[in-house]
Amino acid sequence: MAVLTTAVVLLGILAVFNIVLTLALVRRIRNGAETGHAHGTPTFPDLDEVRAGSPVRPFSVTTTTGSVVSYEDRYGDTAVYAFFDTSCGTCAKELQPLVDLVRREGFTPHQVIAFVVHEQYGSDQKRDEYLGVLGETVTVVVHERGEVDLPFEAGGYPAFVLVNASGQVLRSGVEVSDLDTVLAPA
């Protein structure tokens, strides 16, 4: 009987220890997901849908200025593709970091294209706020979901993709800062 009691007590102690470790792991994962980074490295090294080495799909879109841009126009230049949705709370927080990146890296509006999803019945004020921040710094395409063929299928918003001059993805992520590891001076 003493052996059985000892076994039950030890099993109970192991179960409590397991629960404590599980809760600690959950807290650590949750803290890393909230900051987007754990120990200085991105939580999401690349978007699942847009991995490094992926090619840019052909596209042709009309910008907010009425000009038509296509993949062929971008080929031969390093380019950044940004994807926003006016109904996304996180997207608005990444607008200014994108503008700052463009200025810091010396990108021209030709090299950076921002796709802004705006629902037909969405707030025009929200769309105008996005356009106001992005201004003349980048090329902007406003469209309804599914309305245009995109160069990538990002699974969510915001999304950022850095492409080299030969049209291959160098890096992708959910924050503008995810591109910094590739853009940082060697």
C-alpha atoms as a PDB file:
ATOM      1  CA  MET A   1       0.000   0.000   0.000  1.00  0.00           C
ATOM      2  CA  ALA A   2       2.880   2.376   0.803  1.00  0.00           C
ATOM      3  CA  VAL A   3       4.390   1.761  -2.630  1.00  0.00           C
ATOM      4  CA  LEU A   4       1.106   2.590  -4.336  1.00  0.00           C
ATOM      5  CA  THR A   5       0.703   5.802  -2.299  1.00  0.00           C
ATOM      6  CA  THR A   6       4.266   6.853  -3.136  1.00  0.00           C
ATOM      7  CA  ALA A   7       3.674   6.183  -6.837  1.00  0.00           C
ATOM      8  CA  VAL A   8       0.476   8.274  -6.849  1.00  0.00           C
ATOM      9  CA  VAL A   9       2.227  11.162  -5.049  1.00  0.00           C
ATOM     10  CA  LEU A  10       5.178  11.083  -7.469  1.00  0.00           C
ATOM     11  CA  LEU A  11       2.809  10.970 -10.431  1.00  0.00           C
ATOM     12  CA  GLY A  12       0.916  13.964  -9.028  1.00  0.00           C
ATOM     13  CA  ILE A  13       4.166  15.922  -8.577  1.00  0.00           C
ATOM     14  CA  LEU A  14       5.166  15.130 -12.175  1.00  0.00           C
ATOM     15  CA  ALA A  15       1.773  16.272 -13.443  1.00  0.00           C
ATOM     16  CA  VAL A  16       2.026  19.596 -11.584  1.00  0.00           C
ATOM     17  CA  PHE A  17       5.589  20.077 -12.864  1.00  0.00           C
ATOM     18  CA  ASN A  18       4.384  19.393 -16.425  1.00  0.00           C
ATOM     19  CA  ILE A  19       1.598  21.982 -16.081  1.00  0.00           C
ATOM     20  CA  VAL A  20       4.049  24.610 -14.765  1.00  0.00           C
ATOM     21  CA  LEU A  21       6.430  24.006 -17.684  1.00  0.00           C
ATOM     22  CA  THR A  22       3.578  24.139 -20.204  1.00  0.00           C
ATOM     23  CA  LEU A  23       2.309  27.450 -18.819  1.00  0.00           C
ATOM     24  CA  ALA A  24       5.841  28.898 -18.911  1.00  0.00           C
ATOM     25  CA  LEU A  25       6.202  27.826 -22.542  1.00  0.00           C
ATOM     26  CA  VAL A  26       2.837  29.332 -23.472  1.00  0.00           C
ATOM     27  CA  ARG A  27       3.802  32.626 -21.802  1.00  0.00           C
ATOM     28  CA  ARG A  28       7.137  32.694 -23.644  1.00  0.00           C
ATOM     29  CA  ILE A  29       5.487  32.004 -27.005  1.00  0.00           C
ATOM     30  CA  ARG A  30       2.792  34.604 -26.364  1.00  0.00           C
ATOM     31  CA  ASN A  31       5.382  37.264 -25.415  1.00  0.00           C
ATOM     32  CA  GLY A  32       7.411  36.514 -28.546  1.00  0.00           C
ATOM     33  CA  ALA A  33       4.314  36.729 -30.764  1.00  0.00           C
ATOM     34  CA  GLU A  34       3.260  40.075 -29.264  1.00  0.00           C
ATOM     35  CA  THR A  35       6.593  41.721 -29.961  1.00  0.00           C
ATOM     36  CA  GLY A  36       7.030  40.025 -33.310  1.00  0.00           C
ATOM     37  CA  HIS A  37      10.600  39.205 -32.339  1.00  0.00           C
ATOM     38  CA  ALA A  38      12.255  36.913 -29.857  1.00  0.00           C
ATOM     39  CA  HIS A  39      15.892  37.418 -28.947  1.00  0.00           C
ATOM     40  CA  GLY A  40      16.372  39.893 -31.793  1.00  0.00           C
ATOM     41  CA  THR A  41      15.389  37.472 -34.558  1.00  0.00           C
ATOM     42  CA  PRO A  42      12.106  37.615 -36.444  1.00  0.00           C
ATOM     43  CA  THR A  43       9.403  35.235 -35.277  1.00  0.00           C
ATOM     44  CA  PHE A  44       8.357  34.804 -38.915  1.00  0.00           C
ATOM     45  CA  PRO A  45      11.524  34.575 -41.033  1.00  0.00           C
ATOM     46  CA  ASP A  46       9.517  34.600 -44.264  1.00  0.00           C
ATOM     47  CA  LEU A  47       5.848  34.494 -45.125  1.00  0.00           C
ATOM     48  CA  ASP A  48       4.763  30.911 -45.769  1.00  0.00           C
ATOM     49  CA  GLU A  49       3.276  31.942 -49.121  1.00  0.00           C
ATOM     50  CA  VAL A  50       6.289  34.011 -50.238  1.00  0.00           C
ATOM     51  CA  ARG A  51       9.559  32.270 -49.455  1.00  0.00           C
ATOM     52  CA  ALA A  52      13.024  33.533 -50.331  1.00  0.00           C
ATOM     53  CA  GLY A  53      13.874  32.489 -53.882  1.00  0.00           C
ATOM     54  CA  SER A  54      10.257  32.641 -55.084  1.00  0.00           C
ATOM     55  CA  PRO A  55       9.745  34.462 -58.396  1.00  0.00           C
ATOM     56  CA  VAL A  56       7.530  37.502 -58.937  1.00  0.00           C
ATOM     57  CA  ARG A  57       4.374  36.577 -60.862  1.00  0.00           C
ATOM     58  CA  PRO A  58       3.575  38.718 -63.886  1.00  0.00           C
ATOM     59  CA  PHE A  59       1.122  41.511 -63.122  1.00  0.00           C
ATOM     60  CA  SER A  60      -0.213  44.687 -64.655  1.00  0.00           C
ATOM     61  CA  VAL A  61      -2.087  47.228 -62.528  1.00  0.00           C
ATOM     62  CA  THR A  62      -3.310  50.812 -62.667  1.00  0.00           C
ATOM     63  CA  THR A  63      -1.932  53.158 -60.015  1.00  0.00           C
ATOM     64  CA  THR A  64      -3.738  55.959 -58.198  1.00  0.00           C
ATOM     65  CA  THR A  65      -2.172  58.394 -60.698  1.00  0.00           C
ATOM     66  CA  GLY A  66      -3.713  56.497 -63.623  1.00  0.00           C
ATOM     67  CA  SER A  67      -0.470  55.039 -64.967  1.00  0.00           C
ATOM     68  CA  VAL A  68      -0.160  51.334 -65.688  1.00  0.00           C
ATOM     69  CA  VAL A  69       2.724  49.438 -64.093  1.00  0.00           C
ATOM     70  CA  SER A  70       3.710  45.851 -64.635  1.00  0.00           C
ATOM     71  CA  TYR A  71       6.293  43.309 -63.640  1.00  0.00           C
ATOM     72  CA  GLU A  72       8.329  44.178 -66.714  1.00  0.00           C
ATOM     73  CA  ASP A  73       8.566  47.800 -65.498  1.00  0.00           C
ATOM     74  CA  ARG A  74      10.108  46.619 -62.226  1.00  0.00           C
ATOM     75  CA  TYR A  75      12.468  43.986 -63.618  1.00  0.00           C
ATOM     76  CA  GLY A  76      16.114  44.976 -63.293  1.00  0.00           C
ATOM     77  CA  ASP A  77      15.628  46.953 -60.065  1.00  0.00           C
ATOM     78  CA  THR A  78      15.559  45.930 -56.450  1.00  0.00           C
ATOM     79  CA  ALA A  79      11.923  46.377 -55.469  1.00  0.00           C
ATOM     80  CA  VAL A  80       9.702  46.357 -52.412  1.00  0.00           C
ATOM     81  CA  TYR A  81       6.098  45.185 -52.618  1.00  0.00           C
ATOM     82  CA  ALA A  82       3.851  46.157 -49.715  1.00  0.00           C
ATOM     83  CA  PHE A  83       0.331  44.873 -49.096  1.00  0.00           C
ATOM     84  CA  PHE A  84      -2.152  46.720 -46.880  1.00  0.00           C
ATOM     85  CA  ASP A  85      -5.858  46.529 -46.102  1.00  0.00           C
ATOM     86  CA  THR A  86      -7.720  49.635 -44.916  1.00  0.00           C
ATOM     87  CA  SER A  87      -9.783  47.491 -42.524  1.00  0.00           C
ATOM     88  CA  CYS A  88      -6.635  46.096 -40.858  1.00  0.00           C
ATOM     89  CA  GLY A  89      -5.608  47.750 -37.588  1.00  0.00           C
ATOM     90  CA  THR A  90      -1.993  46.588 -37.795  1.00  0.00           C
ATOM     91  CA  CYS A  91      -1.580  47.850 -41.359  1.00  0.00           C
ATOM     92  CA  ALA A  92      -1.869  51.518 -40.411  1.00  0.00           C
ATOM     93  CA  LYS A  93       1.033  51.095 -37.973  1.00  0.00           C
ATOM     94  CA  GLU A  94       3.322  49.916 -40.798  1.00  0.00           C
ATOM     95  CA  LEU A  95       2.662  52.827 -43.208  1.00  0.00           C
ATOM     96  CA  GLN A  96       5.185  55.251 -41.715  1.00  0.00           C
ATOM     97  CA  PRO A  97       7.889  52.572 -41.245  1.00  0.00           C
ATOM     98  CA  LEU A  98       7.558  51.819 -44.976  1.00  0.00           C
ATOM     99  CA  VAL A  99       7.995  55.498 -45.850  1.00  0.00           C
ATOM    100  CA  ASP A 100      10.995  55.676 -43.491  1.00  0.00           C
ATOM    101  CA  LEU A 101      12.542  52.589 -45.143  1.00  0.00           C
ATOM    102  CA  VAL A 102      12.110  54.086 -48.598  1.00  0.00           C
ATOM    103  CA  ARG A 103      13.847  57.295 -47.542  1.00  0.00           C
ATOM    104  CA  ARG A 104      16.595  55.556 -45.554  1.00  0.00           C
ATOM    105  CA  GLU A 105      17.461  53.134 -48.369  1.00  0.00           C
ATOM    106  CA  GLY A 106      17.098  55.710 -51.143  1.00  0.00           C
ATOM    107  CA  PHE A 107      14.414  53.797 -53.018  1.00  0.00           C
ATOM    108  CA  THR A 108      12.537  55.689 -55.718  1.00  0.00           C
ATOM    109  CA  PRO A 109       8.741  55.494 -56.058  1.00  0.00           C
ATOM    110  CA  HIS A 110       9.419  53.293 -59.103  1.00  0.00           C
ATOM    111  CA  GLN A 111      11.039  50.683 -56.831  1.00  0.00           C
ATOM    112  CA  VAL A 112       8.286  50.481 -54.214  1.00  0.00           C
ATOM    113  CA  ILE A 113       4.697  49.529 -54.963  1.00  0.00           C
ATOM    114  CA  ALA A 114       2.030  49.446 -52.278  1.00  0.00           C
ATOM    115  CA  PHE A 115      -1.168  47.499 -52.906  1.00  0.00           C
ATOM    116  CA  VAL A 116      -3.963  48.882 -50.729  1.00  0.00           C
ATOM    117  CA  VAL A 117      -7.131  46.800 -50.440  1.00  0.00           C
ATOM    118  CA  HIS A 118     -10.136  49.039 -49.999  1.00  0.00           C
ATOM    119  CA  GLU A 119     -13.574  47.474 -49.745  1.00  0.00           C
ATOM    120  CA  GLN A 120     -16.222  49.005 -52.008  1.00  0.00           C
ATOM    121  CA  TYR A 121     -18.297  50.004 -49.003  1.00  0.00           C
ATOM    122  CA  GLY A 122     -15.288  50.852 -46.834  1.00  0.00           C
ATOM    123  CA  SER A 123     -14.405  54.250 -45.453  1.00  0.00           C
ATOM    124  CA  ASP A 124     -13.034  56.601 -48.098  1.00  0.00           C
ATOM    125  CA  GLN A 125     -11.531  58.573 -45.228  1.00  0.00           C
ATOM    126  CA  LYS A 126      -9.438  55.537 -44.233  1.00  0.00           C
ATOM    127  CA  ARG A 127      -8.268  55.085 -47.834  1.00  0.00           C
ATOM    128  CA  ASP A 128      -7.368  58.776 -48.019  1.00  0.00           C
ATOM    129  CA  GLU A 129      -5.401  58.497 -44.757  1.00  0.00           C
ATOM    130  CA  TYR A 130      -3.324  55.661 -46.256  1.00  0.00           C
ATOM    131  CA  LEU A 131      -2.725  57.659 -49.431  1.00  0.00           C
ATOM    132  CA  GLY A 132      -1.790  60.713 -47.366  1.00  0.00           C
ATOM    133  CA  VAL A 133       0.934  58.843 -45.475  1.00  0.00           C
ATOM    134  CA  LEU A 134       2.289  57.016 -48.523  1.00  0.00           C
ATOM    135  CA  GLY A 135       2.076  60.214 -50.601  1.00  0.00           C
ATOM    136  CA  GLU A 136       4.490  60.464 -53.489  1.00  0.00           C
ATOM    137  CA  THR A 137       7.035  58.235 -51.743  1.00  0.00           C
ATOM    138  CA  VAL A 138       5.785  54.996 -53.304  1.00  0.00           C
ATOM    139  CA  THR A 139       3.671  53.832 -56.220  1.00  0.00           C
ATOM    140  CA  VAL A 140       0.187  53.056 -54.889  1.00  0.00           C
ATOM    141  CA  VAL A 141      -2.479  50.740 -56.286  1.00  0.00           C
ATOM    142  CA  VAL A 142      -5.886  50.833 -54.577  1.00  0.00           C
ATOM    143  CA  HIS A 143      -8.136  47.896 -55.364  1.00  0.00           C
ATOM    144  CA  GLU A 144     -10.938  45.777 -54.011  1.00  0.00           C
ATOM    145  CA  ARG A 145     -10.109  42.315 -52.728  1.00  0.00           C
ATOM    146  CA  GLY A 146      -9.586  39.935 -55.636  1.00  0.00           C
ATOM    147  CA  GLU A 147      -9.934  42.723 -58.196  1.00  0.00           C
ATOM    148  CA  VAL A 148      -6.352  42.619 -59.530  1.00  0.00           C
ATOM    149  CA  ASP A 149      -3.765  39.931 -60.117  1.00  0.00           C
ATOM    150  CA  LEU A 150      -1.124  40.430 -57.464  1.00  0.00           C
ATOM    151  CA  PRO A 151       2.551  39.591 -57.852  1.00  0.00           C
ATOM    152  CA  PHE A 152       2.310  37.423 -54.702  1.00  0.00           C
ATOM    153  CA  GLU A 153      -0.419  35.696 -52.715  1.00  0.00           C
ATOM    154  CA  ALA A 154       0.082  37.044 -49.226  1.00  0.00           C
ATOM    155  CA  GLY A 155      -2.034  35.151 -46.701  1.00  0.00           C
ATOM    156  CA  GLY A 156      -2.738  38.234 -44.607  1.00  0.00           C
ATOM    157  CA  TYR A 157      -2.094  41.917 -44.162  1.00  0.00           C
ATOM    158  CA  PRO A 158       0.223  43.701 -43.795  1.00  0.00           C
ATOM    159  CA  ALA A 159       2.847  41.901 -45.849  1.00  0.00           C
ATOM    160  CA  PHE A 160       6.176  43.098 -47.254  1.00  0.00           C
ATOM    161  CA  VAL A 161       8.347  41.502 -49.921  1.00  0.00           C
ATOM    162  CA  LEU A 162      11.849  42.527 -50.988  1.00  0.00           C
ATOM    163  CA  VAL A 163      12.817  41.382 -54.489  1.00  0.00           C
ATOM    164  CA  ASN A 164      16.232  41.522 -56.154  1.00  0.00           C
ATOM    165  CA  ALA A 165      16.940  42.869 -59.640  1.00  0.00           C
ATOM    166  CA  SER A 166      16.441  39.445 -61.236  1.00  0.00           C
ATOM    167  CA  GLY A 167      12.920  39.099 -59.804  1.00  0.00           C
ATOM    168  CA  GLN A 168      13.662  36.670 -56.961  1.00  0.00           C
ATOM    169  CA  VAL A 169      12.338  37.185 -53.430  1.00  0.00           C
ATOM    170  CA  LEU A 170      15.108  38.045 -51.002  1.00  0.00           C
ATOM    171  CA  ARG A 171      12.923  38.369 -47.917  1.00  0.00           C
ATOM    172  CA  SER A 172       9.293  38.662 -46.857  1.00  0.00           C
ATOM    173  CA  GLY A 173       7.575  39.431 -43.593  1.00  0.00           C
ATOM    174  CA  VAL A 174       4.682  40.947 -41.712  1.00  0.00           C
ATOM    175  CA  GLU A 175       6.590  44.037 -40.563  1.00  0.00           C
ATOM    176  CA  VAL A 176       8.729  46.472 -42.518  1.00  0.00           C
ATOM    177  CA  SER A 177      11.552  45.738 -40.059  1.00  0.00           C
ATOM    178  CA  ASP A 178      11.592  42.112 -41.282  1.00  0.00           C
ATOM    179  CA  LEU A 179      13.325  43.385 -44.439  1.00  0.00           C
ATOM    180  CA  ASP A 180      16.149  45.027 -42.443  1.00  0.00           C
ATOM    181  CA  THR A 181      18.193  41.841 -42.114  1.00  0.00           C
ATOM    182  CA  VAL A 182      18.730  41.810 -45.877  1.00  0.00           C
ATOM    183  CA  LEU A 183      19.062  45.579 -46.300  1.00  0.00           C
ATOM    184  CA  ALA A 184      21.483  46.106 -43.404  1.00  0.00           C
ATOM    185  CA  PRO A 185      25.020  46.992 -44.556  1.00  0.00           C
ATOM    186  CA  ALA A 186      27.422  44.060 -44.517  1.00  0.00           C
END
